[in-house]
Amino acid sequence: MLFELKKVFCGLFVIGFISGCQTVGGGSSSDVSKNSSLSNPLLVAYADQANIVYERALEDAKNMQRVLNKFATKPTQDTLNLAQSSWLNARESYGVSEIFRLSNGPIDAEEGWVASAYGAPEGQLNAWPLDENMIDYTIDASGRKTTGNIIENAGLFNPGGNASEPVDVTQITANALASLNENGGDANVASGYHAIEFLLWGQDQDYADFSQDNVTPGALVAGQRPITDFTTDQYAARRLQYLQAAAELLVSDLEPIAGAWKLELQGSNCAANAGGCYRAALLGQLTGADAELNIAQNAALRQIVSGMGVFIKSELANERIAVAVLTPSEEDEHSCFSDNTHRDISLNYQGFVNVLKGSVDGQSFGQSFYRSASTDTQLKISVLIKKIDARIAQMNDLAENKWHFDYQILPGNNDVNIRRMKNDMRKLGDMMVVVASDIGVDLSTDDVTDPEETLL
């Protein structure tokens, strides 16, 4: 997964060799070279990181797809174990990419040419929590097995909910899953990492009263889907078909996002998702007919810094941590089937720190938001990061040796540490207002807080 980085023409960091720089809309390579030298170094560093991070995420997703296809050809306990490992590995690289959300970028922009060109696939890639009963059977705390799911119902399937529309799942295809995803409601998740996770692990049988029931397998045990679900069960073939279709859709969703950040412009129409267009627009490099798509420098910085604040404060600290720990409910943890939530949190946080400090795996990308801030701001940020690092280390150690995240959030276990961790993350999100001021961008705390975050 490690990439060899070297500096080349146009003042950009690239992976391997780049034959030259070209532009969209009739400009020459010299135009791009000139524009690159004038681009804000903070934006260049941000774009360079996004390019590498998404390329890694795509590479690992493709590897997962290959492993799942092999599993579908020969389902055994060994190949199931390999399939699970490939999913866990794919989550490592995708986890650090999530910091590029909420900044009106290709992954989730909801309006304008960016939304039209890239389709905002985040909800199709990473939506959660999901109603697993829609996908396949579950077993409740009393031992009853649910029915009426996609796996069991070849033909027209109605996901239920508000204004839901039936979808033909006689054959489970990527298109069918895309049509079903969030069809009728946010919980009707049919695609993405977590749909694959549920199929590979099955439910993690930890319930609200799991400290007292006779079903829960233990504090360090994730979902235990039997291999017979993929071999001798009457719906085995459909589960394998579902895995392949979900992996196909996931890769096809990631490809244009990774392409958006390419170092070279490829194609002649940015509005039609030509490779490298978003990066070029962010850096003000588009010329000719596409020049109007360039993003003004101050606007670009504003949407990035505010997005970073919203991500760590409202998305990570609030939606992904606080909702689970304050309920407490394992149903609200991010990767509840594989019990990989502690890694989700760690990686999402690491992605934030990577962009804040302008580095990936120790590789520096020139200027950073952190180094551009005042000495006083840097000191305050460093104090918060040190606290969060310690709390994450404690969470991870316990997740490996004593309690998975769903047990840690129970009162009296590690809930106090996790609550303090999310509080410090929220403070770090608010610090992005100060960072913005230090680089000449005007933000308020409202700008780094999602107005729709869950109120607790």
Protein backbone atom coordinates (compact mmCIF):
# COMPACT_ATOMS: atom_id res chain seq x y z
CA MET A 1 0.00 0.00 0.00
CA LEU A 2 2.89 2.37 0.45
CA PHE A 3 3.53 4.65 -2.48
CA GLU A 4 6.86 5.94 -3.68
CA LEU A 5 6.52 9.70 -3.93
CA LYS A 6 8.70 12.05 -5.90
CA LYS A 7 8.49 15.67 -6.98
CA VAL A 8 8.08 16.39 -10.68
CA PHE A 9 7.25 19.12 -13.16
CA CYS A 10 4.43 21.53 -12.16
CA GLY A 11 5.55 21.55 -8.52
CA LEU A 12 3.23 18.68 -7.57
CA PHE A 13 3.81 15.42 -5.73
CA VAL A 14 2.85 12.41 -7.79
CA ILE A 15 2.82 8.65 -7.58
CA GLY A 16 5.53 7.19 -9.78
CA PHE A 17 6.07 8.89 -13.17
CA ILE A 18 3.99 11.54 -14.87
CA SER A 19 4.65 12.22 -18.52
CA GLY A 20 3.64 15.84 -18.44
CA CYS A 21 0.83 18.23 -17.60
CA GLN A 22 -2.06 19.01 -19.89
CA THR A 23 -5.22 20.99 -19.44
CA VAL A 24 -8.86 20.78 -20.34
CA GLY A 25 -10.52 23.30 -22.58
CA GLY A 26 -7.73 24.06 -25.02
CA GLY A 27 -4.93 25.19 -22.68
CA SER A 28 -1.35 23.97 -23.02
CA SER A 29 0.92 22.17 -20.55
CA SER A 30 2.73 25.46 -19.96
CA ASP A 31 -0.60 27.02 -18.89
CA VAL A 32 -1.00 24.40 -16.18
CA SER A 33 2.60 24.77 -15.08
CA LYS A 34 2.13 28.52 -14.70
CA ASN A 35 -1.18 28.10 -12.88
CA SER A 36 0.27 25.46 -10.56
CA SER A 37 3.05 27.77 -9.48
CA LEU A 38 0.42 30.36 -8.59
CA SER A 39 -1.85 27.96 -6.67
CA ASN A 40 -2.15 28.36 -2.93
CA PRO A 41 0.28 25.86 -1.32
CA LEU A 42 -2.37 24.86 1.21
CA LEU A 43 -4.69 23.84 -1.61
CA VAL A 44 -1.92 22.03 -3.47
CA ALA A 45 -1.02 20.03 -0.34
CA TYR A 46 -4.69 19.20 0.26
CA ALA A 47 -5.17 18.03 -3.33
CA ASP A 48 -1.97 15.98 -3.27
CA GLN A 49 -3.11 14.18 -0.15
CA ALA A 50 -6.58 13.51 -1.55
CA ASN A 51 -5.02 12.02 -4.68
CA ILE A 52 -2.92 9.55 -2.71
CA VAL A 53 -5.57 8.68 -0.13
CA TYR A 54 -8.28 7.95 -2.69
CA GLU A 55 -5.92 5.97 -4.90
CA ARG A 56 -5.14 3.76 -1.91
CA ALA A 57 -8.81 3.38 -1.04
CA LEU A 58 -9.60 2.40 -4.63
CA GLU A 59 -6.70 -0.07 -4.78
CA ASP A 60 -7.82 -1.78 -1.57
CA ALA A 61 -11.46 -1.83 -2.71
CA LYS A 62 -10.42 -3.53 -5.95
CA ASN A 63 -8.43 -6.07 -3.97
CA MET A 64 -11.46 -6.73 -1.78
CA GLN A 65 -13.55 -7.23 -4.92
CA ARG A 66 -11.04 -9.78 -6.25
CA VAL A 67 -11.05 -11.66 -2.94
CA LEU A 68 -14.86 -11.65 -2.76
CA ASN A 69 -15.08 -12.97 -6.31
CA LYS A 70 -12.72 -15.80 -5.37
CA PHE A 71 -14.78 -16.48 -2.27
CA ALA A 72 -17.91 -16.68 -4.42
CA THR A 73 -16.19 -19.24 -6.64
CA LYS A 74 -14.96 -21.35 -3.73
CA PRO A 75 -16.73 -20.58 -0.43
CA THR A 76 -14.87 -22.20 2.47
CA GLN A 77 -14.06 -21.06 5.99
CA ASP A 78 -10.55 -20.14 4.83
CA THR A 79 -11.79 -18.03 1.91
CA LEU A 80 -14.40 -16.42 4.19
CA ASN A 81 -11.61 -15.46 6.58
CA LEU A 82 -9.68 -13.96 3.67
CA ALA A 83 -12.77 -12.06 2.55
CA GLN A 84 -13.20 -10.60 6.02
CA SER A 85 -9.53 -9.61 6.12
CA SER A 86 -9.83 -7.89 2.74
CA TRP A 87 -12.79 -5.87 4.06
CA LEU A 88 -10.88 -4.82 7.17
CA ASN A 89 -7.94 -3.76 5.01
CA ALA A 90 -10.19 -1.77 2.68
CA ARG A 91 -11.63 0.08 5.67
CA GLU A 92 -8.14 1.16 6.73
CA SER A 93 -7.54 3.19 3.60
CA TYR A 94 -11.12 4.42 3.24
CA GLY A 95 -11.25 5.55 6.87
CA VAL A 96 -8.59 8.25 6.44
CA SER A 97 -10.31 9.48 3.27
CA GLU A 98 -13.44 10.61 5.09
CA ILE A 99 -11.88 13.95 6.07
CA PHE A 100 -12.45 15.01 2.45
CA ARG A 101 -16.20 14.89 3.05
CA LEU A 102 -18.40 17.88 3.88
CA SER A 103 -16.27 20.30 1.84
CA ASN A 104 -18.44 20.40 -1.29
CA GLY A 105 -16.03 18.01 -2.97
CA PRO A 106 -16.65 15.06 -5.32
CA ILE A 107 -17.49 12.54 -2.59
CA ASP A 108 -20.64 14.29 -1.35
CA ALA A 109 -21.26 17.67 -3.02
CA GLU A 110 -25.02 18.17 -3.23
CA GLU A 111 -25.27 20.95 -5.80
CA GLY A 112 -23.52 22.58 -8.73
CA TRP A 113 -21.32 21.06 -11.39
CA VAL A 114 -19.40 18.96 -8.84
CA ALA A 115 -22.58 17.16 -7.77
CA SER A 116 -23.62 16.68 -11.40
CA ALA A 117 -20.22 15.36 -12.47
CA TYR A 118 -19.54 12.97 -9.57
CA GLY A 119 -22.96 12.06 -8.23
CA ALA A 120 -22.24 12.38 -4.48
CA PRO A 121 -21.74 8.62 -3.92
CA GLU A 122 -20.89 8.80 -0.19
CA GLY A 123 -24.32 7.55 0.87
CA GLN A 124 -24.00 4.60 -1.46
CA LEU A 125 -20.48 3.83 -0.22
CA ASN A 126 -20.67 4.30 3.52
CA ALA A 127 -24.25 4.79 4.73
CA TRP A 128 -25.00 3.56 8.25
CA PRO A 129 -26.56 2.51 10.51
CA LEU A 130 -28.42 0.04 8.36
CA ASP A 131 -31.50 -2.05 8.95
CA GLU A 132 -29.87 -5.44 8.41
CA ASN A 133 -33.29 -7.12 8.35
CA MET A 134 -33.78 -5.65 4.88
CA ILE A 135 -30.72 -7.47 3.53
CA ASP A 136 -30.76 -10.87 5.24
CA TYR A 137 -32.07 -12.70 8.27
CA THR A 138 -31.26 -11.76 11.84
CA ILE A 139 -31.94 -13.54 15.12
CA ASP A 140 -33.37 -11.57 18.00
CA ALA A 141 -32.55 -11.98 21.69
CA SER A 142 -35.32 -14.55 22.07
CA GLY A 143 -33.91 -16.69 19.26
CA ARG A 144 -36.50 -15.82 16.58
CA LYS A 145 -35.28 -15.61 12.98
CA THR A 146 -36.53 -12.74 10.84
CA THR A 147 -37.75 -13.10 7.25
CA GLY A 148 -38.91 -10.91 4.36
CA ASN A 149 -35.50 -9.71 3.17
CA ILE A 150 -33.74 -9.22 -0.16
CA ILE A 151 -31.84 -12.50 0.07
CA GLU A 152 -35.02 -14.56 0.51
CA ASN A 153 -37.19 -12.69 -1.99
CA ALA A 154 -36.26 -13.16 -5.63
CA GLY A 155 -38.54 -10.97 -7.71
CA LEU A 156 -39.94 -7.54 -6.87
CA PHE A 157 -38.78 -6.36 -3.45
CA ASN A 158 -40.31 -3.38 -1.65
CA PRO A 159 -37.93 -2.02 1.01
CA GLY A 160 -40.75 -0.27 2.85
CA GLY A 161 -40.77 3.21 4.31
CA ASN A 162 -41.88 6.54 2.93
CA ALA A 163 -42.42 6.57 -0.83
CA SER A 164 -40.44 3.37 -1.31
CA GLU A 165 -40.44 1.81 -4.77
CA PRO A 166 -40.22 -1.93 -5.55
CA VAL A 167 -37.05 -3.15 -7.25
CA ASP A 168 -36.57 -6.37 -9.21
CA VAL A 169 -34.03 -8.52 -7.35
CA THR A 170 -34.57 -11.72 -9.29
CA GLN A 171 -30.88 -11.28 -10.00
CA ILE A 172 -28.99 -9.25 -7.40
CA THR A 173 -27.02 -6.74 -9.48
CA ALA A 174 -25.10 -3.55 -8.82
CA ASN A 175 -27.91 -1.56 -10.44
CA ALA A 176 -30.54 -3.23 -8.27
CA LEU A 177 -28.59 -2.43 -5.10
CA ALA A 178 -28.14 1.17 -6.19
CA SER A 179 -31.90 1.42 -6.70
CA LEU A 180 -32.60 -0.09 -3.29
CA ASN A 181 -30.09 1.93 -1.29
CA GLU A 182 -31.92 4.38 1.00
CA ASN A 183 -35.05 3.69 -1.03
CA GLY A 184 -37.87 4.65 1.33
CA GLY A 185 -35.64 5.84 4.17
CA ASP A 186 -32.10 6.41 5.40
CA ALA A 187 -32.01 3.07 7.24
CA ASN A 188 -32.77 1.12 4.06
CA VAL A 189 -29.10 0.68 3.26
CA ALA A 190 -28.47 -1.93 0.58
CA SER A 191 -24.98 -1.09 -0.67
CA GLY A 192 -21.52 -0.05 0.41
CA TYR A 193 -18.97 -1.16 2.99
CA HIS A 194 -21.49 -1.90 5.72
CA ALA A 195 -23.80 -4.03 3.57
CA ILE A 196 -20.75 -6.13 2.66
CA GLU A 197 -19.71 -6.17 6.32
CA PHE A 198 -23.09 -7.53 7.41
CA LEU A 199 -23.03 -10.26 4.78
CA LEU A 200 -19.53 -11.35 5.79
CA TRP A 201 -19.99 -11.30 9.58
CA GLY A 202 -23.72 -11.45 10.15
CA GLN A 203 -25.20 -9.63 13.10
CA ASP A 204 -23.17 -9.08 16.24
CA GLN A 205 -25.58 -10.49 18.78
CA ASP A 206 -25.10 -7.82 21.42
CA TYR A 207 -28.41 -6.37 22.55
CA ALA A 208 -29.41 -3.55 24.87
CA ASP A 209 -29.53 -6.05 27.72
CA PHE A 210 -26.69 -8.23 26.46
CA SER A 211 -25.03 -8.35 29.87
CA GLN A 212 -27.98 -10.45 31.02
CA ASP A 213 -29.18 -12.48 28.03
CA ASN A 214 -28.09 -15.95 26.93
CA VAL A 215 -27.45 -15.07 23.28
CA THR A 216 -24.47 -12.70 23.33
CA PRO A 217 -21.19 -14.53 22.67
CA GLY A 218 -18.91 -12.15 24.57
CA ALA A 219 -17.11 -8.83 24.82
CA LEU A 220 -14.42 -9.71 22.25
CA VAL A 221 -16.59 -11.61 19.76
CA ALA A 222 -17.94 -10.02 16.58
CA GLY A 223 -20.60 -11.41 14.26
CA GLN A 224 -20.37 -15.16 13.73
CA ARG A 225 -22.07 -15.87 10.41
CA PRO A 226 -21.63 -19.60 9.69
CA ILE A 227 -19.92 -20.69 6.48
CA THR A 228 -23.01 -22.81 5.76
CA ASP A 229 -24.83 -19.56 4.91
CA PHE A 230 -22.62 -19.53 1.79
CA THR A 231 -22.49 -23.26 1.06
CA THR A 232 -25.43 -25.49 1.99
CA ASP A 233 -28.11 -22.96 2.95
CA GLN A 234 -30.92 -22.62 0.41
CA TYR A 235 -30.04 -18.94 -0.14
CA ALA A 236 -26.28 -19.43 -0.29
CA ALA A 237 -25.99 -18.55 -3.99
CA ARG A 238 -27.92 -15.30 -3.52
CA ARG A 239 -25.65 -14.20 -0.66
CA LEU A 240 -22.61 -14.76 -2.85
CA GLN A 241 -24.30 -12.91 -5.70
CA TYR A 242 -25.09 -10.03 -3.35
CA LEU A 243 -21.46 -9.79 -2.20
CA GLN A 244 -20.20 -9.62 -5.77
CA ALA A 245 -22.76 -7.03 -6.81
CA ALA A 246 -22.06 -4.86 -3.75
CA ALA A 247 -18.31 -4.99 -4.37
CA GLU A 248 -18.81 -4.09 -8.04
CA LEU A 249 -20.94 -1.08 -7.12
CA LEU A 250 -18.50 0.05 -4.44
CA VAL A 251 -15.55 0.02 -6.83
CA SER A 252 -17.52 1.78 -9.56
CA ASP A 253 -18.49 4.49 -7.05
CA LEU A 254 -14.90 5.00 -5.89
CA GLU A 255 -13.32 5.13 -9.35
CA PRO A 256 -14.63 8.56 -10.42
CA ILE A 257 -13.84 10.00 -6.97
CA ALA A 258 -10.24 8.85 -7.17
CA GLY A 259 -10.16 10.10 -10.76
CA ALA A 260 -11.37 13.54 -9.70
CA TRP A 261 -8.08 14.13 -7.84
CA LYS A 262 -5.70 12.85 -10.52
CA LEU A 263 -2.57 14.92 -11.09
CA GLU A 264 -3.12 15.08 -14.85
CA LEU A 265 -6.20 16.40 -16.59
CA GLN A 266 -7.71 13.66 -18.71
CA GLY A 267 -10.54 14.35 -21.13
CA SER A 268 -12.13 17.43 -22.56
CA ASN A 269 -15.28 18.05 -20.54
CA CYS A 270 -15.14 18.62 -16.81
CA ALA A 271 -18.90 18.69 -16.41
CA ALA A 272 -18.89 15.11 -17.74
CA ASN A 273 -16.43 13.93 -15.07
CA ALA A 274 -13.14 14.12 -16.93
CA GLY A 275 -10.27 12.82 -14.81
CA GLY A 276 -8.44 15.37 -12.68
CA CYS A 277 -11.03 18.07 -13.15
CA TYR A 278 -11.91 18.70 -9.54
CA ARG A 279 -8.29 18.99 -8.53
CA ALA A 280 -7.64 21.40 -11.38
CA ALA A 281 -10.72 23.46 -10.48
CA LEU A 282 -9.67 23.60 -6.81
CA LEU A 283 -6.26 24.89 -7.84
CA GLY A 284 -7.65 27.36 -10.38
CA GLN A 285 -5.98 25.57 -13.29
CA LEU A 286 -8.87 25.09 -15.71
CA THR A 287 -8.72 27.15 -18.86
CA GLY A 288 -10.83 27.69 -21.96
CA ALA A 289 -14.48 26.68 -21.77
CA ASP A 290 -13.99 25.06 -18.36
CA ALA A 291 -12.37 28.09 -16.72
CA GLU A 292 -15.72 29.13 -15.25
CA LEU A 293 -15.64 25.96 -13.13
CA ASN A 294 -12.55 27.09 -11.22
CA ILE A 295 -13.15 27.59 -7.50
CA ALA A 296 -12.04 30.92 -6.05
CA GLN A 297 -9.12 30.48 -3.64
CA ASN A 298 -10.87 31.97 -0.61
CA ALA A 299 -14.01 29.95 -1.28
CA ALA A 300 -11.94 26.78 -1.62
CA LEU A 301 -10.14 27.39 1.66
CA ARG A 302 -13.38 28.26 3.40
CA GLN A 303 -15.20 25.12 2.33
CA ILE A 304 -12.21 22.92 3.23
CA VAL A 305 -11.58 24.35 6.70
CA SER A 306 -15.26 24.47 7.61
CA GLY A 307 -15.71 20.92 6.30
CA MET A 308 -12.84 19.72 8.47
CA GLY A 309 -14.47 21.31 11.49
CA VAL A 310 -17.89 19.86 10.77
CA PHE A 311 -16.42 16.42 10.14
CA ILE A 312 -14.54 16.05 13.40
CA LYS A 313 -17.09 17.93 15.53
CA SER A 314 -20.52 16.97 14.22
CA GLU A 315 -19.88 13.81 12.21
CA LEU A 316 -17.15 11.98 14.12
CA ALA A 317 -17.51 13.28 17.68
CA ASN A 318 -21.29 13.60 17.68
CA GLU A 319 -22.91 11.22 15.21
CA ARG A 320 -20.34 8.43 15.31
CA ILE A 321 -19.32 8.54 18.96
CA ALA A 322 -21.74 10.52 21.14
CA VAL A 323 -24.92 8.94 19.76
CA ALA A 324 -23.60 5.46 20.56
CA VAL A 325 -22.05 6.19 23.95
CA LEU A 326 -24.88 8.33 25.29
CA THR A 327 -27.62 5.91 24.28
CA PRO A 328 -25.78 3.48 24.87
CA SER A 329 -26.53 1.30 21.85
CA GLU A 330 -24.39 -1.03 19.79
CA GLU A 331 -26.85 -0.45 16.94
CA ASP A 332 -25.46 3.08 16.63
CA GLU A 333 -21.79 2.13 16.43
CA HIS A 334 -20.23 2.44 13.02
CA SER A 335 -18.96 -1.07 12.20
CA CYS A 336 -21.15 -3.07 14.57
CA PHE A 337 -21.07 -6.40 12.70
CA SER A 338 -17.28 -6.77 12.59
CA ASP A 339 -16.70 -4.84 15.85
CA ASN A 340 -14.28 -2.63 13.93
CA THR A 341 -15.67 0.66 15.26
CA HIS A 342 -12.53 1.54 17.23
CA ARG A 343 -10.58 1.46 13.96
CA ASP A 344 -13.20 3.61 12.21
CA ILE A 345 -12.83 6.24 14.91
CA SER A 346 -9.04 6.06 14.91
CA LEU A 347 -8.78 6.32 11.13
CA ASN A 348 -11.31 9.13 10.78
CA TYR A 349 -9.41 11.09 13.41
CA GLN A 350 -6.05 10.29 11.79
CA GLY A 351 -7.38 11.55 8.47
CA PHE A 352 -8.25 14.85 10.12
CA VAL A 353 -4.78 15.16 11.67
CA ASN A 354 -3.18 14.23 8.34
CA VAL A 355 -4.87 17.10 6.51
CA LEU A 356 -4.43 19.52 9.40
CA LYS A 357 -0.68 18.85 9.53
CA GLY A 358 -0.18 18.20 5.81
CA SER A 359 1.26 14.69 5.94
CA VAL A 360 0.42 11.08 5.16
CA ASP A 361 2.45 8.26 6.72
CA GLY A 362 5.22 10.70 7.58
CA GLN A 363 5.39 12.15 4.05
CA SER A 364 5.11 15.94 4.23
CA PHE A 365 3.18 17.86 1.58
CA GLY A 366 4.65 21.30 1.97
CA GLN A 367 2.56 23.91 3.72
CA SER A 368 -0.15 22.85 6.19
CA PHE A 369 -3.06 24.47 8.00
CA TYR A 370 -1.34 23.75 11.30
CA ARG A 371 1.95 25.42 10.33
CA SER A 372 0.05 28.35 8.84
CA ALA A 373 -1.65 29.03 12.17
CA SER A 374 -0.25 31.25 14.91
CA THR A 375 2.03 29.86 17.61
CA ASP A 376 -0.75 30.22 20.18
CA THR A 377 -3.19 28.33 17.94
CA GLN A 378 -0.65 25.57 17.36
CA LEU A 379 -0.13 25.19 21.10
CA LYS A 380 -3.86 24.87 21.82
CA ILE A 381 -4.28 22.35 19.02
CA SER A 382 -1.29 20.31 20.21
CA VAL A 383 -2.75 20.07 23.71
CA LEU A 384 -6.04 18.74 22.34
CA ILE A 385 -4.33 16.30 19.98
CA LYS A 386 -2.20 14.92 22.81
CA LYS A 387 -5.33 14.30 24.91
CA ILE A 388 -7.23 12.67 22.06
CA ASP A 389 -4.26 10.50 21.10
CA ALA A 390 -4.10 9.13 24.65
CA ARG A 391 -7.84 8.43 24.77
CA ILE A 392 -7.78 6.69 21.38
CA ALA A 393 -4.83 4.58 22.49
CA GLN A 394 -6.78 3.48 25.56
CA MET A 395 -9.86 2.69 23.47
CA ASN A 396 -7.82 0.64 21.00
CA ASP A 397 -5.98 -1.29 23.70
CA LEU A 398 -9.24 -2.24 25.38
CA ALA A 399 -10.79 -3.17 22.02
CA GLU A 400 -7.99 -5.64 21.41
CA ASN A 401 -7.72 -7.08 24.92
CA LYS A 402 -10.87 -6.60 26.98
CA TRP A 403 -13.96 -4.99 25.43
CA HIS A 404 -14.99 -4.16 21.90
CA PHE A 405 -16.44 -0.68 21.46
CA ASP A 406 -20.00 -1.87 22.14
CA TYR A 407 -18.96 -3.00 25.63
CA GLN A 408 -16.75 0.01 26.26
CA ILE A 409 -19.71 2.37 25.96
CA LEU A 410 -21.56 0.67 28.80
CA PRO A 411 -21.65 2.73 32.01
CA GLY A 412 -18.75 1.85 34.26
CA ASN A 413 -16.57 0.36 31.54
CA ASN A 414 -14.76 2.90 29.32
CA ASP A 415 -17.65 5.27 28.68
CA VAL A 416 -16.14 8.18 30.61
CA ASN A 417 -12.94 8.09 28.55
CA ILE A 418 -14.89 7.92 25.30
CA ARG A 419 -17.15 10.80 26.33
CA ARG A 420 -14.10 12.93 27.10
CA MET A 421 -12.58 11.93 23.76
CA LYS A 422 -15.63 13.13 21.85
CA ASN A 423 -15.68 16.37 23.89
CA ASP A 424 -12.04 17.07 22.99
CA MET A 425 -12.80 16.31 19.33
CA ARG A 426 -15.61 18.84 19.40
CA LYS A 427 -13.21 21.41 20.85
CA LEU A 428 -10.75 20.57 18.07
CA GLY A 429 -13.51 21.18 15.54
CA ASP A 430 -14.16 24.60 17.05
CA MET A 431 -10.43 25.36 16.79
CA MET A 432 -10.81 25.30 13.01
CA VAL A 433 -12.55 28.67 13.35
CA VAL A 434 -9.30 30.02 14.83
CA VAL A 435 -7.20 28.29 12.19
CA ALA A 436 -9.38 29.87 9.52
CA SER A 437 -8.88 33.31 11.04
CA ASP A 438 -5.11 32.78 11.11
CA ILE A 439 -5.09 32.13 7.35
CA GLY A 440 -7.45 34.99 6.54
CA VAL A 441 -10.73 33.08 6.26
CA ASP A 442 -13.81 34.21 8.16
CA LEU A 443 -15.69 31.40 9.96
CA SER A 444 -17.94 31.12 12.99
CA THR A 445 -18.74 28.14 15.22
CA ASP A 446 -21.97 27.75 13.26
CA ASP A 447 -19.85 27.09 10.16
CA VAL A 448 -18.14 24.12 11.82
CA THR A 449 -21.33 22.67 13.31
CA ASP A 450 -23.86 20.66 11.34
CA PRO A 451 -27.25 22.26 12.12
CA GLU A 452 -28.84 18.82 11.70
CA GLU A 453 -26.57 16.97 14.10
CA THR A 454 -28.38 14.69 16.53
CA LEU A 455 -29.27 16.55 19.69
CA LEU A 456 -28.33 14.67 22.85
